[in-house]
Amino acid sequence: MLPFLTAYDQVGGSSGSIDPLGALQTYGTLADLLLPGVTTITTRSRYLSMVCAALANAEKWRPFLPGASGLAQRRKSVEPFERLWALACVAARTSGHEGAAEGLRGITYAEKSYQSFASSGKKVNCDFPLLKYQSRTGAVGTYWTALVGGQLVHADSGSLADEGHELAKCFPELPLESKDRGRFADPESAHRVSLSLEDLAAWGEKCHLQAAGGKERERLGEALTADDRRECVSHALLRMVGDIPDVWETGDLKRLRKILATVPRAVERGLPVVIDAIVVTEQFHEAVLAAFDTLLWWGTQNSAKPIADLVTDHDFKKAADRCRETATNLRKFREECEKLDVRNSIEALAGFCLQVDHSRSERELVDTLLDRHHRVQSGKLDGGMPKQDWIGCDSTMLLRPSPRFQRNERPSRAAGMSLTHPYRVEPFVDMLRENGVIPESS
């Protein structure tokens, strides 16, 4: 299976990483155990229908190589279809369909191209850029794991499964003659296919992001719950209807866990334990992140003062106690956890927990945080070079952070109620709602 992207995966590898203490690996693994195939940016389920329709058109008109080569060819064949479809979604929104392009990837590119076609009076084609790296951040890069997890495509070849063919039949056909549909199946010739703005708009009325009919929505709902873990979470969410939050916090996950603990299949798959792991991991990460942010704040506001003044500060002592307490809790949970996959998911943080737990003084904790941050940054590349630390120390004072990492206000104390990462529940809820699996919020 090819790697997939999430909102955090993307920034984790960029110069603006929001992961100063290296928690992304643990987050990603736990999120996969809870909702496999869902990411923070898979927000519109009709993307699944569109990709299946694109693959169905490609498979009808051209042969593909076997194995990995065919997989790459199929993924590439989706791109022209996606670009034309993006224009159709913009056309539908222009016609007054609210939400027709909401959540569309590359919306800025599509809008600009649509306006260019509309103002010039020329026929529409797919010969324009959609996102800087469409193959990585467009439909295929973003939704492929969901397609595989929904049993719509075969992971090894990318060919449509029976369920994918059925879903493709629900999607409006390209408004093209047979000859042009054949050309459109190949990225090398797709750019030569054109159609009128009127035909594009007519297609957009039926294919935009909110235009799925009852049968298509039913099949999308089946795809979203095809995985056992996602189905268990879906059933639990159905029992929470009327009390599902817009933004999930620790307490909300605990309520979900309570319901999952009554479902034998969910217990068998360890879902309540996964949520327990998420809670203790998030509480630890929130605590050490708050302490690290305090170092950034101190370096911003008090860089001329010695660290000794910070480590004797009453509030910092409380923050240090919270770090050690949550580190102890996470280590104890991992040692006692009987689910190997859950225990392994915390492995990346185990060494850091041990360091924090063994930091017997506030000054030792400062060194532990700075050492962890340095190790995390040195393992990331920016332009081929290791990333720079956000903050440094000259042994007696914290150095003033660069402007982008400065903190002008002291961070709030970690309370153990907030989530430092999204665990994909919110987009999953939204996609279930748009396909009638669970009712819309009142």
Protein backbone atom coordinates (compact mmCIF):
# COMPACT_ATOMS: atom_id res chain seq x y z
CA MET A 1 0.00 0.00 0.00
CA LEU A 2 1.32 3.44 -0.87
CA PRO A 3 1.78 5.98 1.91
CA PHE A 4 -1.03 8.42 2.59
CA LEU A 5 -1.11 11.96 3.81
CA THR A 6 -2.78 13.62 6.75
CA ALA A 7 -2.76 17.25 7.74
CA TYR A 8 -0.13 16.43 10.34
CA ASP A 9 1.91 14.20 8.05
CA GLN A 10 2.33 17.14 5.68
CA VAL A 11 3.51 19.69 8.21
CA GLY A 12 5.63 17.11 9.98
CA GLY A 13 7.90 17.04 6.99
CA SER A 14 7.94 20.75 6.26
CA SER A 15 9.96 23.67 7.53
CA GLY A 16 6.97 24.81 9.60
CA SER A 17 6.64 21.57 11.57
CA ILE A 18 4.26 21.76 14.52
CA ASP A 19 5.81 18.69 16.16
CA PRO A 20 8.68 20.03 18.27
CA LEU A 21 8.75 17.02 20.62
CA GLY A 22 8.26 14.17 18.16
CA ALA A 23 4.76 12.88 18.91
CA LEU A 24 3.54 12.49 15.32
CA GLN A 25 4.52 8.85 14.90
CA THR A 26 2.62 7.81 18.00
CA TYR A 27 -0.37 9.92 17.04
CA GLY A 28 -0.52 8.47 13.54
CA THR A 29 -0.27 4.89 14.76
CA LEU A 30 -2.99 5.33 17.39
CA ALA A 31 -5.25 7.11 14.90
CA ASP A 32 -4.82 4.20 12.48
CA LEU A 33 -5.82 1.76 15.22
CA LEU A 34 -8.97 3.76 15.91
CA LEU A 35 -10.09 4.76 12.40
CA PRO A 36 -7.95 3.06 9.74
CA GLY A 37 -8.23 4.60 6.28
CA VAL A 38 -9.55 7.93 7.55
CA THR A 39 -7.32 11.01 7.69
CA THR A 40 -7.72 14.55 8.90
CA ILE A 41 -8.17 15.76 5.32
CA THR A 42 -10.48 13.05 3.94
CA THR A 43 -13.51 15.24 4.54
CA ARG A 44 -15.74 14.72 1.47
CA SER A 45 -16.78 11.17 0.71
CA ARG A 46 -17.86 11.87 -2.88
CA TYR A 47 -14.18 11.95 -3.76
CA LEU A 48 -14.40 8.16 -3.48
CA SER A 49 -17.14 8.07 -6.13
CA MET A 50 -15.22 10.39 -8.42
CA VAL A 51 -12.01 8.35 -8.25
CA CYS A 52 -13.94 5.13 -8.87
CA ALA A 53 -15.61 6.73 -11.90
CA ALA A 54 -12.24 7.91 -13.21
CA LEU A 55 -10.75 4.43 -12.79
CA ALA A 56 -13.78 2.79 -14.41
CA ASN A 57 -13.43 5.05 -17.45
CA ALA A 58 -9.69 4.35 -17.65
CA GLU A 59 -10.09 0.58 -17.30
CA LYS A 60 -12.75 0.54 -20.00
CA TRP A 61 -10.61 2.26 -22.62
CA ARG A 62 -7.01 1.25 -22.03
CA PRO A 63 -4.93 -1.72 -20.83
CA PHE A 64 -2.77 -1.52 -17.74
CA LEU A 65 0.44 -3.24 -16.80
CA PRO A 66 0.30 -5.84 -14.01
CA GLY A 67 1.35 -5.20 -10.43
CA ALA A 68 2.97 -2.02 -9.16
CA SER A 69 3.43 -0.57 -12.66
CA GLY A 70 -0.29 -0.85 -13.30
CA LEU A 71 -0.99 0.69 -9.90
CA ALA A 72 1.06 3.76 -10.82
CA GLN A 73 -0.65 3.99 -14.24
CA ARG A 74 -4.12 3.80 -12.72
CA ARG A 75 -3.38 6.43 -10.11
CA LYS A 76 -2.04 8.75 -12.78
CA SER A 77 -5.10 8.20 -14.98
CA VAL A 78 -7.30 9.80 -12.31
CA GLU A 79 -5.64 13.21 -12.57
CA PRO A 80 -7.23 14.56 -15.81
CA PHE A 81 -10.65 13.42 -14.60
CA GLU A 82 -10.11 15.13 -11.26
CA ARG A 83 -9.16 18.42 -12.91
CA LEU A 84 -12.26 18.48 -15.12
CA TRP A 85 -14.44 17.48 -12.18
CA ALA A 86 -12.96 20.30 -10.06
CA LEU A 87 -14.04 22.77 -12.76
CA ALA A 88 -17.52 21.22 -12.75
CA CYS A 89 -17.79 21.65 -8.97
CA VAL A 90 -16.81 25.32 -9.30
CA ALA A 91 -19.38 25.73 -12.09
CA ALA A 92 -22.07 24.24 -9.84
CA ARG A 93 -21.16 26.59 -7.01
CA THR A 94 -21.26 29.51 -9.45
CA SER A 95 -24.78 28.41 -10.37
CA GLY A 96 -25.87 28.72 -6.74
CA HIS A 97 -25.31 25.25 -5.29
CA GLU A 98 -24.02 26.02 -1.82
CA GLY A 99 -21.39 23.53 -0.72
CA ALA A 100 -20.82 22.25 -4.26
CA ALA A 101 -17.08 22.89 -3.97
CA GLU A 102 -16.69 22.92 -0.18
CA GLY A 103 -13.70 20.76 0.73
CA LEU A 104 -12.47 20.67 -2.87
CA ARG A 105 -8.72 20.19 -3.04
CA GLY A 106 -7.07 22.76 -5.28
CA ILE A 107 -10.07 25.09 -5.16
CA THR A 108 -7.96 28.19 -5.86
CA TYR A 109 -6.46 26.67 -9.00
CA ALA A 110 -9.87 25.44 -10.18
CA GLU A 111 -11.52 28.83 -9.63
CA LYS A 112 -8.81 30.65 -11.53
CA SER A 113 -9.00 28.23 -14.46
CA TYR A 114 -12.79 28.31 -14.54
CA GLN A 115 -12.84 32.10 -14.66
CA SER A 116 -10.29 32.02 -17.47
CA PHE A 117 -12.42 29.65 -19.54
CA ALA A 118 -15.61 31.58 -18.77
CA SER A 119 -14.15 34.97 -19.70
CA SER A 120 -12.41 33.78 -22.87
CA GLY A 121 -15.38 31.89 -24.27
CA LYS A 122 -13.08 29.03 -25.23
CA LYS A 123 -13.98 25.40 -24.76
CA VAL A 124 -13.03 23.80 -21.46
CA ASN A 125 -10.21 21.26 -21.11
CA CYS A 126 -8.15 19.71 -18.33
CA ASP A 127 -4.87 21.29 -19.38
CA PHE A 128 -4.27 23.38 -16.27
CA PRO A 129 -2.52 22.76 -12.94
CA LEU A 130 -4.53 21.56 -9.94
CA LEU A 131 -2.38 21.88 -6.82
CA LYS A 132 1.38 22.13 -6.97
CA TYR A 133 1.79 18.37 -6.58
CA GLN A 134 -1.52 16.85 -7.63
CA SER A 135 -0.31 13.27 -7.43
CA ARG A 136 0.59 13.71 -3.76
CA THR A 137 -1.98 16.18 -2.46
CA GLY A 138 -4.92 15.70 -4.82
CA ALA A 139 -7.63 13.02 -4.79
CA VAL A 140 -5.32 10.03 -5.19
CA GLY A 141 -2.75 11.08 -2.61
CA THR A 142 -5.41 12.04 -0.10
CA TYR A 143 -8.14 9.44 -0.55
CA TRP A 144 -6.33 6.32 -1.79
CA THR A 145 -6.09 4.72 1.64
CA ALA A 146 -9.81 5.32 2.14
CA LEU A 147 -10.49 3.64 -1.23
CA VAL A 148 -8.46 0.61 -0.21
CA GLY A 149 -9.98 0.56 3.28
CA GLY A 150 -13.45 0.85 1.79
CA GLN A 151 -12.78 -2.25 -0.35
CA LEU A 152 -13.31 -0.18 -3.51
CA VAL A 153 -9.91 -0.85 -5.11
CA HIS A 154 -7.35 -3.62 -4.86
CA ALA A 155 -4.29 -2.48 -2.94
CA ASP A 156 -1.73 -4.33 -5.07
CA SER A 157 -2.84 -3.24 -8.56
CA GLY A 158 -5.20 -0.30 -7.98
CA SER A 159 -7.85 -2.01 -10.11
CA LEU A 160 -11.47 -1.50 -9.16
CA ALA A 161 -13.08 -4.09 -6.91
CA ASP A 162 -16.71 -5.09 -7.50
CA GLU A 163 -17.84 -2.52 -4.93
CA GLY A 164 -15.81 0.14 -6.73
CA HIS A 165 -17.47 -0.70 -10.05
CA GLU A 166 -20.90 -0.43 -8.42
CA LEU A 167 -20.04 2.94 -6.92
CA ALA A 168 -18.67 4.18 -10.26
CA LYS A 169 -22.02 3.38 -11.90
CA CYS A 170 -23.69 5.81 -9.51
CA PHE A 171 -21.50 8.72 -10.65
CA PRO A 172 -22.62 10.79 -13.68
CA GLU A 173 -20.75 9.84 -16.84
CA LEU A 174 -18.36 12.24 -18.49
CA PRO A 175 -20.24 14.55 -20.91
CA LEU A 176 -18.08 13.35 -23.80
CA GLU A 177 -18.43 11.25 -26.93
CA SER A 178 -17.06 7.70 -26.75
CA LYS A 179 -13.95 8.63 -28.71
CA ASP A 180 -13.12 11.43 -26.31
CA ARG A 181 -13.78 9.28 -23.25
CA GLY A 182 -11.15 6.94 -24.61
CA ARG A 183 -8.68 9.80 -25.00
CA PHE A 184 -9.53 11.01 -21.52
CA ALA A 185 -8.45 7.67 -20.06
CA ASP A 186 -4.82 8.45 -20.91
CA PRO A 187 -3.08 11.49 -19.34
CA GLU A 188 -0.95 11.77 -22.49
CA SER A 189 -4.00 12.52 -24.66
CA ALA A 190 -6.55 13.85 -22.15
CA HIS A 191 -5.42 17.44 -22.59
CA ARG A 192 -6.62 17.35 -26.21
CA VAL A 193 -10.23 16.69 -25.16
CA SER A 194 -12.51 19.71 -24.79
CA LEU A 195 -16.16 20.48 -24.15
CA SER A 196 -18.38 23.51 -23.97
CA LEU A 197 -18.84 25.49 -20.78
CA GLU A 198 -22.55 24.64 -20.98
CA ASP A 199 -21.85 20.90 -21.04
CA LEU A 200 -19.46 21.29 -18.11
CA ALA A 201 -22.10 23.19 -16.14
CA ALA A 202 -24.74 20.55 -16.89
CA TRP A 203 -22.38 17.83 -15.66
CA GLY A 204 -21.55 19.90 -12.60
CA GLU A 205 -25.24 19.99 -11.63
CA LYS A 206 -25.08 16.22 -11.16
CA CYS A 207 -21.49 15.52 -10.11
CA HIS A 208 -20.62 18.24 -7.59
CA LEU A 209 -19.66 17.40 -4.03
CA GLN A 210 -23.18 17.58 -2.61
CA ALA A 211 -25.13 16.05 -5.50
CA ALA A 212 -24.91 12.34 -4.61
CA GLY A 213 -28.22 10.51 -4.89
CA GLY A 214 -29.71 7.96 -2.52
CA LYS A 215 -28.13 4.85 -4.05
CA GLU A 216 -24.70 6.44 -4.22
CA ARG A 217 -24.92 7.64 -0.64
CA GLU A 218 -25.88 4.15 0.46
CA ARG A 219 -22.83 2.66 -1.24
CA LEU A 220 -20.58 5.37 0.18
CA GLY A 221 -21.92 4.60 3.65
CA GLU A 222 -21.09 0.95 3.11
CA ALA A 223 -17.56 1.87 2.03
CA LEU A 224 -17.03 4.11 5.06
CA THR A 225 -18.01 1.27 7.40
CA ALA A 226 -16.45 -1.61 5.44
CA ASP A 227 -13.62 -1.90 7.97
CA ASP A 228 -14.61 -3.58 11.25
CA ARG A 229 -13.07 -0.86 13.42
CA ARG A 230 -14.77 1.94 11.53
CA GLU A 231 -18.06 0.06 11.68
CA CYS A 232 -17.78 -0.34 15.45
CA VAL A 233 -17.04 3.36 15.89
CA SER A 234 -19.93 4.19 13.55
CA HIS A 235 -22.38 2.18 15.67
CA ALA A 236 -21.06 3.83 18.82
CA LEU A 237 -21.46 7.28 17.27
CA LEU A 238 -25.03 6.41 16.35
CA ARG A 239 -25.72 5.89 20.05
CA MET A 240 -24.19 9.31 20.77
CA VAL A 241 -26.47 11.15 18.32
CA GLY A 242 -27.64 14.39 19.87
CA ASP A 243 -24.48 14.57 21.97
CA ILE A 244 -21.74 14.46 19.32
CA PRO A 245 -19.43 17.49 19.71
CA ASP A 246 -18.20 19.64 16.86
CA VAL A 247 -14.70 19.59 18.31
CA TRP A 248 -13.66 16.48 20.21
CA GLU A 249 -11.87 16.62 23.54
CA THR A 250 -10.66 14.00 26.00
CA GLY A 251 -14.01 13.73 27.75
CA ASP A 252 -15.78 13.06 24.45
CA LEU A 253 -13.39 10.21 23.67
CA LYS A 254 -14.04 8.76 27.11
CA ARG A 255 -17.79 8.76 26.40
CA LEU A 256 -17.14 7.01 23.09
CA ARG A 257 -14.96 4.49 24.93
CA LYS A 258 -17.74 3.74 27.42
CA ILE A 259 -20.07 2.80 24.56
CA LEU A 260 -17.43 0.77 22.71
CA ALA A 261 -16.77 -1.21 25.90
CA THR A 262 -20.33 -2.60 25.62
CA VAL A 263 -19.81 -3.84 22.04
CA PRO A 264 -18.15 -7.30 21.96
CA ARG A 265 -16.65 -6.80 18.49
CA ALA A 266 -15.15 -3.47 19.56
CA VAL A 267 -13.70 -5.04 22.71
CA GLU A 268 -12.29 -7.93 20.69
CA ARG A 269 -10.48 -5.46 18.43
CA GLY A 270 -9.19 -3.52 21.40
CA LEU A 271 -10.91 -0.22 20.61
CA PRO A 272 -11.55 0.74 24.27
CA VAL A 273 -7.85 0.12 24.96
CA VAL A 274 -6.90 2.25 21.95
CA ILE A 275 -8.88 5.14 23.41
CA ASP A 276 -7.26 4.60 26.81
CA ALA A 277 -3.89 4.84 25.06
CA ILE A 278 -4.92 8.01 23.26
CA VAL A 279 -6.02 9.65 26.52
CA VAL A 280 -2.83 8.92 28.48
CA THR A 281 -0.64 9.78 25.48
CA GLU A 282 -2.42 13.08 24.90
CA GLN A 283 -2.23 14.02 28.56
CA PHE A 284 1.52 13.41 28.54
CA HIS A 285 2.05 15.28 25.28
CA GLU A 286 -0.10 18.21 26.42
CA ALA A 287 1.95 18.48 29.63
CA VAL A 288 5.40 18.40 28.01
CA LEU A 289 4.25 20.65 25.17
CA ALA A 290 2.98 23.23 27.68
CA ALA A 291 6.34 23.08 29.48
CA PHE A 292 8.23 23.44 26.20
CA ASP A 293 6.03 26.39 25.18
CA THR A 294 6.87 27.93 28.55
CA LEU A 295 10.54 27.77 27.58
CA LEU A 296 9.72 29.59 24.34
CA TRP A 297 7.78 32.21 26.31
CA TRP A 298 10.58 32.64 28.83
CA GLY A 299 13.17 32.94 26.08
CA THR A 300 11.01 35.55 24.37
CA GLN A 301 10.22 37.67 27.42
CA ASN A 302 13.09 36.95 29.80
CA SER A 303 16.11 35.97 27.71
CA ALA A 304 18.36 38.17 29.87
CA LYS A 305 17.37 36.31 33.05
CA PRO A 306 19.01 33.05 34.18
CA ILE A 307 17.18 29.74 33.91
CA ALA A 308 17.47 29.53 37.69
CA ASP A 309 14.74 32.15 37.94
CA LEU A 310 12.42 30.04 35.79
CA VAL A 311 12.97 26.73 37.56
CA THR A 312 12.15 28.26 40.94
CA ASP A 313 8.93 29.75 39.56
CA HIS A 314 5.86 28.28 41.30
CA ASP A 315 3.87 27.77 38.10
CA PHE A 316 6.79 26.09 36.35
CA LYS A 317 7.19 23.72 39.28
CA LYS A 318 3.51 22.79 38.88
CA ALA A 319 4.03 22.26 35.16
CA ALA A 320 7.06 20.04 35.87
CA ASP A 321 5.06 17.97 38.35
CA ARG A 322 2.38 17.50 35.70
CA CYS A 323 4.99 16.34 33.18
CA ARG A 324 6.37 13.73 35.58
CA GLU A 325 2.90 12.59 36.65
CA THR A 326 1.68 12.06 33.09
CA ALA A 327 4.96 10.39 32.10
CA THR A 328 4.53 7.91 34.95
CA ASN A 329 0.93 7.24 33.91
CA LEU A 330 1.89 6.60 30.29
CA ARG A 331 4.77 4.30 31.22
CA LYS A 332 2.54 2.35 33.63
CA PHE A 333 -0.18 2.02 30.99
CA ARG A 334 2.29 0.71 28.43
CA GLU A 335 3.80 -1.81 30.85
CA GLU A 336 0.37 -3.17 31.80
CA CYS A 337 -1.22 -3.06 28.32
CA GLU A 338 -1.94 -6.55 26.98
CA LYS A 339 -2.63 -5.40 23.39
CA LEU A 340 0.65 -5.70 21.52
CA ASP A 341 -0.34 -3.32 18.71
CA VAL A 342 -1.37 -0.66 21.21
CA ARG A 343 1.76 -1.15 23.30
CA ASN A 344 3.96 -0.90 20.22
CA SER A 345 2.20 2.30 19.14
CA ILE A 346 3.58 4.09 22.19
CA GLU A 347 7.12 2.80 21.65
CA ALA A 348 8.30 6.02 19.95
CA LEU A 349 7.53 8.01 23.12
CA ALA A 350 8.75 5.43 25.64
CA GLY A 351 12.31 6.76 25.89
CA PHE A 352 11.12 10.34 26.25
CA CYS A 353 8.71 9.27 29.02
CA LEU A 354 11.57 7.61 30.87
CA GLN A 355 13.70 10.75 30.62
CA VAL A 356 10.89 12.98 31.89
CA ASP A 357 10.02 10.54 34.67
CA HIS A 358 13.66 10.51 35.81
CA SER A 359 14.02 14.31 35.75
CA ARG A 360 14.09 14.82 39.47
CA SER A 361 14.52 18.58 39.33
CA GLU A 362 12.98 21.34 37.25
CA ARG A 363 16.43 22.13 35.84
CA GLU A 364 16.84 18.53 34.69
CA LEU A 365 13.43 18.73 33.01
CA VAL A 366 14.51 21.81 31.05
CA ASP A 367 17.55 19.91 29.78
CA THR A 368 15.38 16.90 28.94
CA LEU A 369 12.95 19.00 26.92
CA LEU A 370 15.72 20.81 25.06
CA ASP A 371 17.56 17.55 24.36
CA ARG A 372 14.40 15.88 23.04
CA HIS A 373 13.61 18.89 20.86
CA HIS A 374 17.15 18.95 19.43
CA ARG A 375 17.00 15.24 18.59
CA VAL A 376 13.61 15.66 16.88
CA GLN A 377 14.77 18.67 14.85
CA SER A 378 18.03 17.08 13.79
CA GLY A 379 16.08 14.15 12.39
CA LYS A 380 14.13 16.40 10.02
CA LEU A 381 15.43 17.92 6.83
CA ASP A 382 14.72 21.36 5.38
CA GLY A 383 16.33 21.88 1.99
CA GLY A 384 18.59 18.90 2.60
CA MET A 385 19.84 20.26 5.94
CA PRO A 386 18.75 19.35 9.48
CA LYS A 387 16.19 21.75 10.86
CA GLN A 388 17.26 24.36 13.36
CA ASP A 389 16.16 24.18 16.98
CA TRP A 390 13.35 26.53 17.93
CA ILE A 391 15.21 27.56 21.07
CA GLY A 392 18.67 27.00 22.53
CA CYS A 393 20.50 27.40 25.80
CA ASP A 394 23.96 28.70 26.76
CA SER A 395 23.93 26.72 30.04
CA THR A 396 22.75 29.61 32.20
CA MET A 397 20.15 31.36 30.03
CA LEU A 398 17.66 30.44 27.35
CA LEU A 399 18.45 32.07 24.03
CA ARG A 400 15.80 34.24 22.45
CA PRO A 401 13.85 32.17 19.85
CA SER A 402 13.66 33.32 16.25
CA PRO A 403 10.56 35.50 15.59
CA ARG A 404 8.37 32.71 14.20
CA PHE A 405 8.72 30.66 17.40
CA GLN A 406 8.43 33.43 19.96
CA ARG A 407 5.64 33.35 22.55
CA ASN A 408 4.40 36.63 24.01
CA GLU A 409 1.95 35.08 26.46
CA ARG A 410 2.58 32.39 29.00
CA PRO A 411 0.94 29.08 28.01
CA SER A 412 -2.04 27.80 29.93
CA ARG A 413 -1.49 25.02 32.40
CA ALA A 414 -2.10 21.51 31.02
CA ALA A 415 -5.42 20.24 32.35
CA GLY A 416 -5.67 16.90 30.58
CA MET A 417 -8.92 17.80 28.83
CA SER A 418 -7.74 18.94 25.39
CA LEU A 419 -6.38 16.92 22.47
CA THR A 420 -3.12 18.11 20.94
CA HIS A 421 -3.84 16.10 17.76
CA PRO A 422 -7.08 15.43 15.86
CA TYR A 423 -7.95 11.74 15.91
CA ARG A 424 -9.97 11.79 12.66
CA VAL A 425 -13.30 11.40 14.41
CA GLU A 426 -14.60 14.77 13.23
CA PRO A 427 -14.15 14.16 9.47
CA PHE A 428 -15.45 10.61 9.94
CA VAL A 429 -18.60 11.97 11.59
CA ASP A 430 -19.06 14.51 8.79
CA MET A 431 -18.78 11.84 6.08
CA LEU A 432 -21.18 9.52 7.91
CA ARG A 433 -23.66 12.36 8.18
CA GLU A 434 -23.48 13.38 4.54
CA ASN A 435 -24.38 9.81 3.57
CA GLY A 436 -27.15 9.29 6.11
CA VAL A 437 -25.31 6.71 8.21
CA ILE A 438 -25.92 8.85 11.26
CA PRO A 439 -28.41 11.74 11.42
CA GLU A 440 -27.40 15.33 10.81
CA SER A 441 -26.86 17.38 13.93
CA SER A 442 -29.90 19.32 15.02
